[in-house]
Amino acid sequence: EAQQPYLYLPVTPDAWSDGTLIATTSGDPRLLLPATRKAVLQASPKTLILSMQTLTDHMRFADFSNRMAAWLSASLGGLALLLTMIGLYGVTAYSVSRRTHEIGVRMALGAVREAMFVSILKDGLKLAVAGIGVGAGLALLLCRAMGSLLFGVKPFDPITLAGAVAVLLATSIAAVIGPARRALSVDPVIALRDE
């Protein structure tokens, strides 16, 4: 934190004041707590000790709101990623079901299965790539404003942005592969007979 001015005053026996005592040890700090309490009460029997804790415990409580905000953000991000995957899967499955006749005709005319798979994969990923492009552009525009909320990451961190894009692409590919594989299992005769 930024340096702040402090004024240190002596503790008078009759005045009410509060203070913090910080003790260091080379061993386990929890073992020092009873001895510290005893030493403080011996030096000043009227002292009211409200709390004694290790610095680790204090920091765990002090940054609790930050950790909860990070956990909430990660949870909402994971939920958004799951919803994106489900939505892309649904759109691709619907598109493939609408193209069943076309796929059957192409397969009957000798289309290579791998080429059909790549074609369906490309169609499904067009929407995902467009969304990733728009999202990355908005992230670059907003990262300066959001910089104060980041911890341990620079606003224009290319590794973080590339990692996010990679996760979104992998999720999109995983969502599109199922409908694309199902389209290849369509029997051309059944697809043509349905018409």
Protein backbone atom coordinates (compact mmCIF):
# COMPACT_ATOMS: atom_id res chain seq x y z
CA GLU A 1 0.00 0.00 0.00
CA ALA A 2 1.06 3.60 -0.37
CA GLN A 3 2.98 5.10 2.52
CA GLN A 4 0.82 6.94 5.01
CA PRO A 5 1.84 9.30 7.80
CA TYR A 6 1.61 7.86 11.30
CA LEU A 7 1.90 9.44 14.73
CA TYR A 8 3.16 7.25 17.54
CA LEU A 9 2.11 8.23 21.06
CA PRO A 10 3.11 6.62 24.37
CA VAL A 11 0.47 4.48 26.05
CA THR A 12 -0.57 6.08 29.33
CA PRO A 13 -1.87 3.87 32.15
CA ASP A 14 -5.26 5.63 32.43
CA ALA A 15 -6.00 6.34 28.74
CA TRP A 16 -7.84 4.05 26.40
CA SER A 17 -5.84 3.25 23.30
CA ASP A 18 -5.40 0.36 20.98
CA GLY A 19 -2.27 -1.05 19.50
CA THR A 20 -0.81 -3.88 17.57
CA LEU A 21 2.14 -5.97 18.65
CA ILE A 22 4.00 -7.87 15.96
CA ALA A 23 6.42 -10.57 17.06
CA THR A 24 8.66 -12.61 14.80
CA THR A 25 9.92 -16.11 15.35
CA SER A 26 12.01 -18.61 13.44
CA GLY A 27 9.74 -21.48 14.46
CA ASP A 28 6.03 -22.12 14.27
CA PRO A 29 4.29 -18.79 15.02
CA ARG A 30 1.27 -20.54 16.58
CA LEU A 31 3.51 -21.83 19.36
CA LEU A 32 4.51 -18.24 20.19
CA LEU A 33 0.93 -17.02 20.82
CA PRO A 34 0.50 -18.26 24.44
CA ALA A 35 3.96 -17.01 25.45
CA THR A 36 3.28 -13.63 23.87
CA ARG A 37 -0.06 -13.30 25.68
CA LYS A 38 1.61 -14.17 28.97
CA ALA A 39 4.45 -11.66 28.40
CA VAL A 40 2.03 -8.83 27.51
CA LEU A 41 -0.16 -9.49 30.57
CA GLN A 42 2.89 -9.63 32.82
CA ALA A 43 4.10 -6.27 31.51
CA SER A 44 0.65 -4.68 31.68
CA PRO A 45 -2.00 -6.63 33.62
CA LYS A 46 -4.82 -4.20 32.66
CA THR A 47 -4.28 -4.78 28.96
CA LEU A 48 -7.28 -6.22 27.18
CA ILE A 49 -6.14 -8.53 24.40
CA LEU A 50 -8.87 -8.74 21.80
CA SER A 51 -7.21 -10.88 19.21
CA MET A 52 -4.05 -12.87 18.76
CA GLN A 53 -3.31 -14.50 15.47
CA THR A 54 -0.54 -15.28 13.07
CA LEU A 55 0.09 -12.98 10.15
CA THR A 56 -0.95 -15.78 7.80
CA ASP A 57 -4.34 -16.04 9.52
CA HIS A 58 -4.71 -12.26 9.51
CA MET A 59 -3.96 -12.04 5.78
CA ARG A 60 -6.35 -14.89 5.04
CA PHE A 61 -9.10 -12.84 6.67
CA ALA A 62 -7.90 -9.52 5.21
CA ASP A 63 -7.97 -10.71 1.60
CA PHE A 64 -11.11 -12.82 1.99
CA SER A 65 -13.21 -10.43 -0.11
CA ASN A 66 -10.61 -10.48 -2.90
CA ARG A 67 -10.46 -14.26 -2.86
CA MET A 68 -14.26 -14.50 -2.91
CA ALA A 69 -14.43 -12.05 -5.82
CA ALA A 70 -11.84 -14.11 -7.70
CA TRP A 71 -13.72 -17.34 -6.97
CA LEU A 72 -17.02 -15.77 -8.06
CA SER A 73 -15.45 -14.40 -11.25
CA ALA A 74 -13.89 -17.77 -12.06
CA SER A 75 -17.18 -19.57 -11.37
CA LEU A 76 -19.16 -17.18 -13.56
CA GLY A 77 -16.50 -17.44 -16.26
CA GLY A 78 -16.70 -21.23 -16.15
CA LEU A 79 -20.49 -21.08 -16.33
CA ALA A 80 -20.29 -18.72 -19.30
CA LEU A 81 -17.85 -21.09 -21.01
CA LEU A 82 -20.18 -24.03 -20.38
CA LEU A 83 -23.19 -22.09 -21.73
CA THR A 84 -21.14 -21.09 -24.78
CA MET A 85 -20.24 -24.72 -25.40
CA ILE A 86 -23.85 -25.87 -25.02
CA GLY A 87 -25.12 -23.10 -27.29
CA LEU A 88 -22.55 -23.76 -29.99
CA TYR A 89 -23.25 -27.48 -29.78
CA GLY A 90 -26.98 -26.83 -30.16
CA VAL A 91 -26.59 -24.46 -33.11
CA THR A 92 -24.22 -26.85 -34.89
CA ALA A 93 -26.44 -29.87 -34.20
CA TYR A 94 -29.45 -27.98 -35.55
CA SER A 95 -27.50 -26.90 -38.65
CA VAL A 96 -26.33 -30.46 -39.26
CA SER A 97 -29.86 -31.83 -38.85
CA ARG A 98 -31.11 -29.29 -41.41
CA ARG A 99 -28.36 -30.37 -43.82
CA THR A 100 -28.92 -34.13 -43.46
CA HIS A 101 -30.30 -34.45 -47.00
CA GLU A 102 -27.44 -32.40 -48.45
CA ILE A 103 -24.88 -34.46 -46.56
CA GLY A 104 -26.55 -37.68 -47.74
CA VAL A 105 -26.47 -36.51 -51.36
CA ARG A 106 -22.81 -35.53 -51.11
CA MET A 107 -21.90 -38.84 -49.51
CA ALA A 108 -23.88 -40.72 -52.18
CA LEU A 109 -22.02 -38.83 -54.89
CA GLY A 110 -18.69 -39.90 -53.38
CA ALA A 111 -17.71 -37.09 -51.04
CA VAL A 112 -14.79 -37.97 -48.82
CA ARG A 113 -15.80 -38.33 -45.18
CA GLU A 114 -12.83 -36.32 -43.92
CA ALA A 115 -13.68 -33.45 -46.30
CA MET A 116 -17.29 -33.46 -45.08
CA PHE A 117 -16.09 -33.50 -41.48
CA VAL A 118 -13.80 -30.50 -42.10
CA SER A 119 -16.59 -28.66 -43.94
CA ILE A 120 -19.03 -29.10 -41.05
CA LEU A 121 -16.29 -28.19 -38.56
CA LYS A 122 -15.53 -24.98 -40.50
CA ASP A 123 -19.19 -24.02 -40.61
CA GLY A 124 -19.55 -24.56 -36.89
CA LEU A 125 -16.38 -22.67 -36.01
CA LYS A 126 -17.17 -19.58 -38.10
CA LEU A 127 -19.54 -18.30 -35.44
CA ALA A 128 -17.08 -19.12 -32.66
CA VAL A 129 -14.17 -17.39 -34.39
CA ALA A 130 -16.30 -14.30 -35.01
CA GLY A 131 -17.30 -14.23 -31.33
CA ILE A 132 -13.72 -14.72 -30.17
CA GLY A 133 -12.57 -11.90 -32.47
CA VAL A 134 -15.20 -9.49 -31.15
CA GLY A 135 -14.48 -10.54 -27.56
CA ALA A 136 -10.71 -10.13 -27.95
CA GLY A 137 -11.21 -6.70 -29.53
CA LEU A 138 -13.45 -5.59 -26.66
CA ALA A 139 -10.99 -7.01 -24.14
CA LEU A 140 -8.18 -4.95 -25.68
CA LEU A 141 -10.36 -1.83 -25.60
CA LEU A 142 -11.49 -2.33 -22.01
CA CYS A 143 -8.27 -3.64 -20.48
CA ARG A 144 -6.98 -0.15 -19.64
CA ALA A 145 -10.16 0.63 -17.69
CA MET A 146 -10.12 -2.78 -15.99
CA GLY A 147 -6.41 -2.58 -15.13
CA SER A 148 -7.09 -1.56 -11.54
CA LEU A 149 -9.02 -4.81 -10.95
CA LEU A 150 -6.15 -7.02 -12.12
CA PHE A 151 -3.64 -8.55 -9.75
CA GLY A 152 -0.35 -9.95 -11.01
CA VAL A 153 -1.32 -9.42 -14.65
CA LYS A 154 -0.59 -6.46 -16.87
CA PRO A 155 -3.56 -4.95 -18.74
CA PHE A 156 -2.02 -5.78 -22.14
CA ASP A 157 -0.71 -9.27 -21.34
CA PRO A 158 -0.44 -11.17 -24.63
CA ILE A 159 0.09 -14.54 -22.92
CA THR A 160 -3.14 -14.22 -20.93
CA LEU A 161 -5.09 -13.09 -23.99
CA ALA A 162 -3.63 -15.92 -26.09
CA GLY A 163 -4.50 -18.40 -23.34
CA ALA A 164 -8.09 -17.18 -23.21
CA VAL A 165 -8.38 -17.41 -26.99
CA ALA A 166 -6.89 -20.93 -26.93
CA VAL A 167 -9.35 -22.08 -24.24
CA LEU A 168 -12.29 -20.64 -26.20
CA LEU A 169 -11.10 -22.26 -29.44
CA ALA A 170 -10.60 -25.63 -27.74
CA THR A 171 -14.06 -25.38 -26.18
CA SER A 172 -15.58 -24.45 -29.53
CA ILE A 173 -13.88 -27.34 -31.30
CA ALA A 174 -15.06 -29.75 -28.59
CA ALA A 175 -18.62 -28.45 -29.01
CA VAL A 176 -18.60 -28.81 -32.80
CA ILE A 177 -16.93 -32.22 -33.07
CA GLY A 178 -19.97 -34.13 -31.77
CA PRO A 179 -22.46 -32.92 -34.40
CA ALA A 180 -19.82 -33.20 -37.13
CA ARG A 181 -19.11 -36.84 -36.24
CA ARG A 182 -22.83 -37.56 -36.08
CA ALA A 183 -23.27 -36.10 -39.56
CA LEU A 184 -20.68 -38.52 -40.92
CA SER A 185 -22.59 -41.47 -39.49
CA VAL A 186 -25.63 -40.59 -41.64
CA ASP A 187 -26.37 -43.38 -44.09
CA PRO A 188 -26.76 -41.77 -47.55
CA VAL A 189 -29.58 -44.15 -48.49
CA ILE A 190 -31.62 -43.30 -45.40
CA ALA A 191 -30.96 -39.56 -45.85
CA LEU A 192 -32.14 -39.73 -49.48
CA ARG A 193 -35.12 -41.93 -48.62
CA ASP A 194 -36.33 -39.42 -46.01
CA GLU A 195 -36.89 -36.88 -48.80
